[in-house]
Amino acid sequence: MIRLDNYLYDGAGWQARAVMCYLQDRAEHILDKTYTGNAWNLYDGKLFVTHYLNGREKGYVFSLRYKTKQVNYAVFQHCISDCICLVRSESFREDPDGWEGRSWSKYDHDAEFSYDEVIKCGEWIENDMIDTLHEWQRAEGRYKRESEKFRKEDED
């Protein structure tokens, strides 16, 4: 047997691991937005996870790839305040050191949640992934009919 305190322990704080569990549960809901119906490639989207290490902070980088686009979310527990920090980037690299336009400091983050707001953090990521997917799909004309319908309603 393995001691419970060491089981599946990779250095990330419990908040980041809990956010990962939430996203694992919601992955199907997120990927359903990329369903193609093609028997060879049912989904245009894919979700990935990798480790995040920044000195004392350890966590995960969650990535959503859709065709040729990618959005990343680094989630980690701040070493002093114990809050959950989240950094978002649309770089095509999972490695946060390669994210352009970021000073990459534990104080430079896009969202911050209290240590007990794991679900809220997971929902933020899930909603942002879905909103980003819809934005990308609108840009490629996938929702063209819907936008034309709304334009007609605005004109009336």
C-alpha atoms as a PDB file:
ATOM      1  CA  MET A   1       0.000   0.000   0.000  1.00  0.00           C
ATOM      2  CA  ILE A   2       0.965   3.606  -0.580  1.00  0.00           C
ATOM      3  CA  ARG A   3       0.545   6.234   2.110  1.00  0.00           C
ATOM      4  CA  LEU A   4      -2.447   8.440   1.323  1.00  0.00           C
ATOM      5  CA  ASP A   5      -0.512  11.701   1.757  1.00  0.00           C
ATOM      6  CA  ASN A   6       1.903  10.653  -1.040  1.00  0.00           C
ATOM      7  CA  TYR A   7      -0.624   9.078  -3.422  1.00  0.00           C
ATOM      8  CA  LEU A   8      -0.750  10.953  -6.756  1.00  0.00           C
ATOM      9  CA  TYR A   9       1.367  13.723  -5.260  1.00  0.00           C
ATOM     10  CA  ASP A  10       3.404  15.569  -7.867  1.00  0.00           C
ATOM     11  CA  GLY A  11       4.201  18.762  -5.982  1.00  0.00           C
ATOM     12  CA  ALA A  12       1.111  20.744  -6.971  1.00  0.00           C
ATOM     13  CA  GLY A  13      -1.043  22.127  -4.175  1.00  0.00           C
ATOM     14  CA  TRP A  14      -4.387  20.583  -3.377  1.00  0.00           C
ATOM     15  CA  GLN A  15      -6.237  23.522  -4.958  1.00  0.00           C
ATOM     16  CA  ALA A  16      -4.636  22.986  -8.374  1.00  0.00           C
ATOM     17  CA  ARG A  17      -5.292  19.243  -8.145  1.00  0.00           C
ATOM     18  CA  ALA A  18      -8.935  19.904  -7.246  1.00  0.00           C
ATOM     19  CA  VAL A  19      -9.309  22.270 -10.226  1.00  0.00           C
ATOM     20  CA  MET A  20      -7.837  19.527 -12.433  1.00  0.00           C
ATOM     21  CA  CYS A  21     -10.401  17.030 -11.093  1.00  0.00           C
ATOM     22  CA  TYR A  22     -13.197  19.514 -11.819  1.00  0.00           C
ATOM     23  CA  LEU A  23     -11.971  20.031 -15.397  1.00  0.00           C
ATOM     24  CA  GLN A  24     -11.584  16.285 -15.925  1.00  0.00           C
ATOM     25  CA  ASP A  25     -15.241  15.934 -14.977  1.00  0.00           C
ATOM     26  CA  ARG A  26     -16.315  18.809 -17.292  1.00  0.00           C
ATOM     27  CA  ALA A  27     -14.043  17.910 -20.246  1.00  0.00           C
ATOM     28  CA  GLU A  28     -16.792  16.154 -22.190  1.00  0.00           C
ATOM     29  CA  HIS A  29     -19.086  19.180 -21.836  1.00  0.00           C
ATOM     30  CA  ILE A  30     -16.347  21.490 -23.136  1.00  0.00           C
ATOM     31  CA  LEU A  31     -15.346  19.218 -26.032  1.00  0.00           C
ATOM     32  CA  ASP A  32     -18.980  18.718 -27.092  1.00  0.00           C
ATOM     33  CA  LYS A  33     -18.806  22.293 -28.403  1.00  0.00           C
ATOM     34  CA  THR A  34     -16.261  21.082 -30.993  1.00  0.00           C
ATOM     35  CA  TYR A  35     -18.236  18.044 -32.211  1.00  0.00           C
ATOM     36  CA  THR A  36     -17.920  17.561 -35.979  1.00  0.00           C
ATOM     37  CA  GLY A  37     -19.882  14.376 -36.602  1.00  0.00           C
ATOM     38  CA  ASN A  38     -17.045  13.095 -38.787  1.00  0.00           C
ATOM     39  CA  ALA A  39     -16.463   9.414 -38.031  1.00  0.00           C
ATOM     40  CA  TRP A  40     -12.680   9.793 -38.367  1.00  0.00           C
ATOM     41  CA  ASN A  41     -12.316  12.854 -36.154  1.00  0.00           C
ATOM     42  CA  LEU A  42     -15.331  13.384 -33.922  1.00  0.00           C
ATOM     43  CA  TYR A  43     -13.991  16.469 -32.174  1.00  0.00           C
ATOM     44  CA  ASP A  44     -11.932  19.401 -33.446  1.00  0.00           C
ATOM     45  CA  GLY A  45     -10.956  20.288 -29.881  1.00  0.00           C
ATOM     46  CA  LYS A  46      -8.568  18.600 -27.475  1.00  0.00           C
ATOM     47  CA  LEU A  47      -7.737  19.250 -23.819  1.00  0.00           C
ATOM     48  CA  PHE A  48      -4.227  18.837 -22.414  1.00  0.00           C
ATOM     49  CA  VAL A  49      -2.557  19.247 -19.052  1.00  0.00           C
ATOM     50  CA  THR A  50       1.087  19.690 -18.090  1.00  0.00           C
ATOM     51  CA  HIS A  51       2.993  20.679 -14.953  1.00  0.00           C
ATOM     52  CA  TYR A  52       3.601  24.262 -13.987  1.00  0.00           C
ATOM     53  CA  LEU A  53       6.659  25.168 -11.914  1.00  0.00           C
ATOM     54  CA  ASN A  54       7.639  28.693 -10.931  1.00  0.00           C
ATOM     55  CA  GLY A  55      10.114  28.527  -8.096  1.00  0.00           C
ATOM     56  CA  ARG A  56       8.017  27.721  -5.055  1.00  0.00           C
ATOM     57  CA  GLU A  57       4.659  27.693  -6.872  1.00  0.00           C
ATOM     58  CA  LYS A  58       3.623  24.433  -8.468  1.00  0.00           C
ATOM     59  CA  GLY A  59       0.452  23.685 -10.354  1.00  0.00           C
ATOM     60  CA  TYR A  60      -0.852  22.801 -13.786  1.00  0.00           C
ATOM     61  CA  VAL A  61      -1.281  24.331 -17.213  1.00  0.00           C
ATOM     62  CA  PHE A  62      -4.564  23.348 -18.858  1.00  0.00           C
ATOM     63  CA  SER A  63      -4.674  23.810 -22.626  1.00  0.00           C
ATOM     64  CA  LEU A  64      -7.534  23.770 -25.081  1.00  0.00           C
ATOM     65  CA  ARG A  65      -6.558  23.258 -28.719  1.00  0.00           C
ATOM     66  CA  TYR A  66      -9.026  23.901 -31.503  1.00  0.00           C
ATOM     67  CA  LYS A  67      -7.713  23.292 -35.013  1.00  0.00           C
ATOM     68  CA  THR A  68      -4.784  25.770 -35.236  1.00  0.00           C
ATOM     69  CA  LYS A  69      -5.572  27.793 -32.106  1.00  0.00           C
ATOM     70  CA  GLN A  70      -4.778  27.221 -28.451  1.00  0.00           C
ATOM     71  CA  VAL A  71      -5.581  28.828 -25.109  1.00  0.00           C
ATOM     72  CA  ASN A  72      -3.712  28.003 -21.882  1.00  0.00           C
ATOM     73  CA  TYR A  73      -4.546  28.451 -18.205  1.00  0.00           C
ATOM     74  CA  ALA A  74      -1.840  28.150 -15.561  1.00  0.00           C
ATOM     75  CA  VAL A  75      -3.355  27.380 -12.150  1.00  0.00           C
ATOM     76  CA  PHE A  76      -1.294  27.374  -8.985  1.00  0.00           C
ATOM     77  CA  GLN A  77      -1.484  28.062  -5.276  1.00  0.00           C
ATOM     78  CA  HIS A  78       0.257  31.266  -4.230  1.00  0.00           C
ATOM     79  CA  CYS A  79       2.985  30.287  -1.757  1.00  0.00           C
ATOM     80  CA  ILE A  80       2.261  33.082   0.737  1.00  0.00           C
ATOM     81  CA  SER A  81      -1.448  33.875   0.543  1.00  0.00           C
ATOM     82  CA  ASP A  82      -2.660  30.344  -0.365  1.00  0.00           C
ATOM     83  CA  CYS A  83      -5.042  31.847  -2.918  1.00  0.00           C
ATOM     84  CA  ILE A  84      -5.571  30.144  -6.278  1.00  0.00           C
ATOM     85  CA  CYS A  85      -3.924  32.140  -9.056  1.00  0.00           C
ATOM     86  CA  LEU A  86      -4.832  31.793 -12.708  1.00  0.00           C
ATOM     87  CA  VAL A  87      -2.904  33.073 -15.722  1.00  0.00           C
ATOM     88  CA  ARG A  88      -4.447  32.918 -19.212  1.00  0.00           C
ATOM     89  CA  SER A  89      -2.599  33.018 -22.536  1.00  0.00           C
ATOM     90  CA  GLU A  90      -3.493  32.288 -26.155  1.00  0.00           C
ATOM     91  CA  SER A  91       0.066  31.277 -26.958  1.00  0.00           C
ATOM     92  CA  PHE A  92       0.573  28.000 -28.810  1.00  0.00           C
ATOM     93  CA  ARG A  93       3.035  26.900 -26.120  1.00  0.00           C
ATOM     94  CA  GLU A  94       2.173  25.100 -22.916  1.00  0.00           C
ATOM     95  CA  ASP A  95       5.353  26.353 -21.268  1.00  0.00           C
ATOM     96  CA  PRO A  96       4.469  29.639 -19.497  1.00  0.00           C
ATOM     97  CA  ASP A  97       8.035  30.904 -19.974  1.00  0.00           C
ATOM     98  CA  GLY A  98       7.251  31.146 -23.689  1.00  0.00           C
ATOM     99  CA  TRP A  99       4.047  33.150 -23.287  1.00  0.00           C
ATOM    100  CA  GLU A 100       4.510  36.477 -25.007  1.00  0.00           C
ATOM    101  CA  GLY A 101       3.402  39.695 -23.371  1.00  0.00           C
ATOM    102  CA  ARG A 102       3.569  38.321 -19.813  1.00  0.00           C
ATOM    103  CA  SER A 103       6.037  39.509 -17.226  1.00  0.00           C
ATOM    104  CA  TRP A 104       5.424  36.124 -15.637  1.00  0.00           C
ATOM    105  CA  SER A 105       5.389  36.808 -11.973  1.00  0.00           C
ATOM    106  CA  LYS A 106       3.208  35.213  -9.331  1.00  0.00           C
ATOM    107  CA  TYR A 107       1.727  38.684  -8.841  1.00  0.00           C
ATOM    108  CA  ASP A 108       0.787  39.064 -12.528  1.00  0.00           C
ATOM    109  CA  HIS A 109      -2.327  36.913 -12.911  1.00  0.00           C
ATOM    110  CA  ASP A 110      -5.665  37.207 -14.695  1.00  0.00           C
ATOM    111  CA  ALA A 111      -7.845  35.886 -11.892  1.00  0.00           C
ATOM    112  CA  GLU A 112      -7.438  35.126  -8.221  1.00  0.00           C
ATOM    113  CA  PHE A 113      -9.684  32.988  -6.047  1.00  0.00           C
ATOM    114  CA  SER A 114      -9.791  32.334  -2.332  1.00  0.00           C
ATOM    115  CA  TYR A 115      -8.198  29.036  -1.270  1.00  0.00           C
ATOM    116  CA  ASP A 116     -11.662  27.462  -0.876  1.00  0.00           C
ATOM    117  CA  GLU A 117     -13.094  28.603  -4.252  1.00  0.00           C
ATOM    118  CA  VAL A 118     -11.921  25.624  -6.287  1.00  0.00           C
ATOM    119  CA  ILE A 119     -15.282  25.148  -8.037  1.00  0.00           C
ATOM    120  CA  LYS A 120     -15.477  28.862  -8.852  1.00  0.00           C
ATOM    121  CA  CYS A 121     -12.000  28.689 -10.423  1.00  0.00           C
ATOM    122  CA  GLY A 122     -12.919  25.582 -12.431  1.00  0.00           C
ATOM    123  CA  GLU A 123     -16.142  27.226 -13.625  1.00  0.00           C
ATOM    124  CA  TRP A 124     -14.201  30.347 -14.645  1.00  0.00           C
ATOM    125  CA  ILE A 125     -11.859  28.239 -16.789  1.00  0.00           C
ATOM    126  CA  GLU A 126     -14.714  26.165 -18.248  1.00  0.00           C
ATOM    127  CA  ASN A 127     -16.773  29.253 -19.161  1.00  0.00           C
ATOM    128  CA  ASP A 128     -13.752  31.022 -20.637  1.00  0.00           C
ATOM    129  CA  MET A 129     -12.861  27.944 -22.720  1.00  0.00           C
ATOM    130  CA  ILE A 130     -16.417  27.763 -24.090  1.00  0.00           C
ATOM    131  CA  ASP A 131     -16.547  31.521 -24.776  1.00  0.00           C
ATOM    132  CA  THR A 132     -13.168  31.339 -26.532  1.00  0.00           C
ATOM    133  CA  LEU A 133     -14.318  28.361 -28.608  1.00  0.00           C
ATOM    134  CA  HIS A 134     -17.447  30.236 -29.684  1.00  0.00           C
ATOM    135  CA  GLU A 135     -15.353  33.270 -30.589  1.00  0.00           C
ATOM    136  CA  TRP A 136     -13.040  31.128 -32.735  1.00  0.00           C
ATOM    137  CA  GLN A 137     -15.988  29.342 -34.344  1.00  0.00           C
ATOM    138  CA  ARG A 138     -17.731  32.639 -35.154  1.00  0.00           C
ATOM    139  CA  ALA A 139     -14.497  33.896 -36.741  1.00  0.00           C
ATOM    140  CA  GLU A 140     -14.460  30.899 -39.081  1.00  0.00           C
ATOM    141  CA  GLY A 141     -18.144  31.377 -39.975  1.00  0.00           C
ATOM    142  CA  ARG A 142     -19.527  28.409 -38.075  1.00  0.00           C
ATOM    143  CA  TYR A 143     -22.220  30.561 -36.433  1.00  0.00           C
ATOM    144  CA  LYS A 144     -22.915  32.700 -39.499  1.00  0.00           C
ATOM    145  CA  ARG A 145     -26.630  31.852 -39.670  1.00  0.00           C
ATOM    146  CA  GLU A 146     -27.170  32.815 -36.040  1.00  0.00           C
ATOM    147  CA  SER A 147     -25.462  36.181 -36.485  1.00  0.00           C
ATOM    148  CA  GLU A 148     -27.523  36.896 -39.625  1.00  0.00           C
ATOM    149  CA  LYS A 149     -30.698  36.099 -37.673  1.00  0.00           C
ATOM    150  CA  PHE A 150     -29.718  38.545 -34.936  1.00  0.00           C
ATOM    151  CA  ARG A 151     -28.943  41.255 -37.501  1.00  0.00           C
ATOM    152  CA  LYS A 152     -32.445  40.912 -38.999  1.00  0.00           C
ATOM    153  CA  GLU A 153     -34.015  41.245 -35.541  1.00  0.00           C
ATOM    154  CA  ASP A 154     -31.947  44.389 -34.859  1.00  0.00           C
ATOM    155  CA  GLU A 155     -33.066  45.971 -38.143  1.00  0.00           C
ATOM    156  CA  ASP A 156     -36.772  45.404 -37.369  1.00  0.00           C
END
